[in-house]
């Protein structure tokens, strides 16, 4: 009987150890960030076209 309580306690500790840092990583205070990936075309020093994908987040 004690063995099953230890297993349940260990399982709950493992679940909480994984879930709490995932919850703390949300720094947007209840609002999700919206990100848009845009393609930006620029020119380098030699006049060649350089295409970059830039992510803009609000």
C-alpha atoms as a PDB file:
ATOM      1  CA  UNK A   1       0.000   0.000   0.000  1.00  0.00           C
ATOM      2  CA  UNK A   2       2.804   2.430   0.867  1.00  0.00           C
ATOM      3  CA  UNK A   3       4.488   1.668  -2.411  1.00  0.00           C
ATOM      4  CA  UNK A   4       1.453   2.858  -4.397  1.00  0.00           C
ATOM      5  CA  UNK A   5       1.337   6.132  -2.433  1.00  0.00           C
ATOM      6  CA  UNK A   6       4.992   6.726  -3.225  1.00  0.00           C
ATOM      7  CA  UNK A   7       4.376   6.084  -6.904  1.00  0.00           C
ATOM      8  CA  UNK A   8       1.420   8.488  -6.970  1.00  0.00           C
ATOM      9  CA  UNK A   9       3.406  11.163  -5.100  1.00  0.00           C
ATOM     10  CA  UNK A  10       6.341  10.746  -7.463  1.00  0.00           C
ATOM     11  CA  UNK A  11       4.067  11.002 -10.500  1.00  0.00           C
ATOM     12  CA  UNK A  12       2.405  14.165  -9.185  1.00  0.00           C
ATOM     13  CA  UNK A  13       5.781  15.723  -8.384  1.00  0.00           C
ATOM     14  CA  UNK A  14       7.025  14.959 -11.881  1.00  0.00           C
ATOM     15  CA  UNK A  15       3.916  16.451 -13.511  1.00  0.00           C
ATOM     16  CA  UNK A  16       4.151  19.613 -11.411  1.00  0.00           C
ATOM     17  CA  UNK A  17       7.879  19.963 -12.067  1.00  0.00           C
ATOM     18  CA  UNK A  18       7.194  19.986 -15.806  1.00  0.00           C
ATOM     19  CA  UNK A  19       4.002  22.088 -15.760  1.00  0.00           C
ATOM     20  CA  UNK A  20       5.089  24.962 -13.492  1.00  0.00           C
ATOM     21  CA  UNK A  21       8.054  26.201 -15.608  1.00  0.00           C
ATOM     22  CA  UNK A  22       5.868  25.984 -18.723  1.00  0.00           C
ATOM     23  CA  UNK A  23       3.291  28.208 -17.032  1.00  0.00           C
ATOM     24  CA  UNK A  24       5.981  30.644 -15.820  1.00  0.00           C
ATOM     25  CA  UNK A  25       7.374  30.985 -19.348  1.00  0.00           C
ATOM     26  CA  UNK A  26       4.238  32.841 -20.425  1.00  0.00           C
ATOM     27  CA  UNK A  27       5.322  36.447 -19.922  1.00  0.00           C
ATOM     28  CA  UNK A  28       2.533  38.107 -21.873  1.00  0.00           C
ATOM     29  CA  UNK A  29       0.246  38.622 -18.837  1.00  0.00           C
ATOM     30  CA  UNK A  30      -2.766  36.797 -20.209  1.00  0.00           C
ATOM     31  CA  UNK A  31      -2.468  38.040 -23.786  1.00  0.00           C
ATOM     32  CA  UNK A  32      -0.901  35.933 -26.475  1.00  0.00           C
ATOM     33  CA  UNK A  33       1.643  37.503 -28.736  1.00  0.00           C
ATOM     34  CA  UNK A  34       0.722  37.752 -32.367  1.00  0.00           C
ATOM     35  CA  UNK A  35       3.670  37.298 -34.676  1.00  0.00           C
ATOM     36  CA  UNK A  36       3.828  37.865 -38.417  1.00  0.00           C
ATOM     37  CA  UNK A  37       6.646  36.715 -40.684  1.00  0.00           C
ATOM     38  CA  UNK A  38       7.397  39.142 -43.481  1.00  0.00           C
ATOM     39  CA  UNK A  39       9.844  38.829 -46.362  1.00  0.00           C
ATOM     40  CA  UNK A  40      12.159  41.837 -46.609  1.00  0.00           C
ATOM     41  CA  UNK A  41      14.222  42.532 -49.704  1.00  0.00           C
ATOM     42  CA  UNK A  42      17.409  44.564 -49.233  1.00  0.00           C
ATOM     43  CA  UNK A  43      20.637  45.064 -51.139  1.00  0.00           C
ATOM     44  CA  UNK A  44      24.135  44.331 -49.902  1.00  0.00           C
ATOM     45  CA  UNK A  45      27.249  46.477 -50.411  1.00  0.00           C
ATOM     46  CA  UNK A  46      27.816  45.015 -53.893  1.00  0.00           C
ATOM     47  CA  UNK A  47      24.261  45.599 -55.119  1.00  0.00           C
ATOM     48  CA  UNK A  48      23.083  42.016 -54.844  1.00  0.00           C
ATOM     49  CA  UNK A  49      19.574  41.286 -53.622  1.00  0.00           C
ATOM     50  CA  UNK A  50      19.335  39.834 -50.115  1.00  0.00           C
ATOM     51  CA  UNK A  51      15.994  38.373 -49.073  1.00  0.00           C
ATOM     52  CA  UNK A  52      15.416  37.884 -45.356  1.00  0.00           C
ATOM     53  CA  UNK A  53      12.426  36.658 -43.397  1.00  0.00           C
ATOM     54  CA  UNK A  54      11.802  38.874 -40.394  1.00  0.00           C
ATOM     55  CA  UNK A  55       9.402  38.098 -37.567  1.00  0.00           C
ATOM     56  CA  UNK A  56       7.420  41.003 -36.095  1.00  0.00           C
ATOM     57  CA  UNK A  57       5.630  40.377 -32.815  1.00  0.00           C
ATOM     58  CA  UNK A  58       3.115  42.571 -31.016  1.00  0.00           C
END
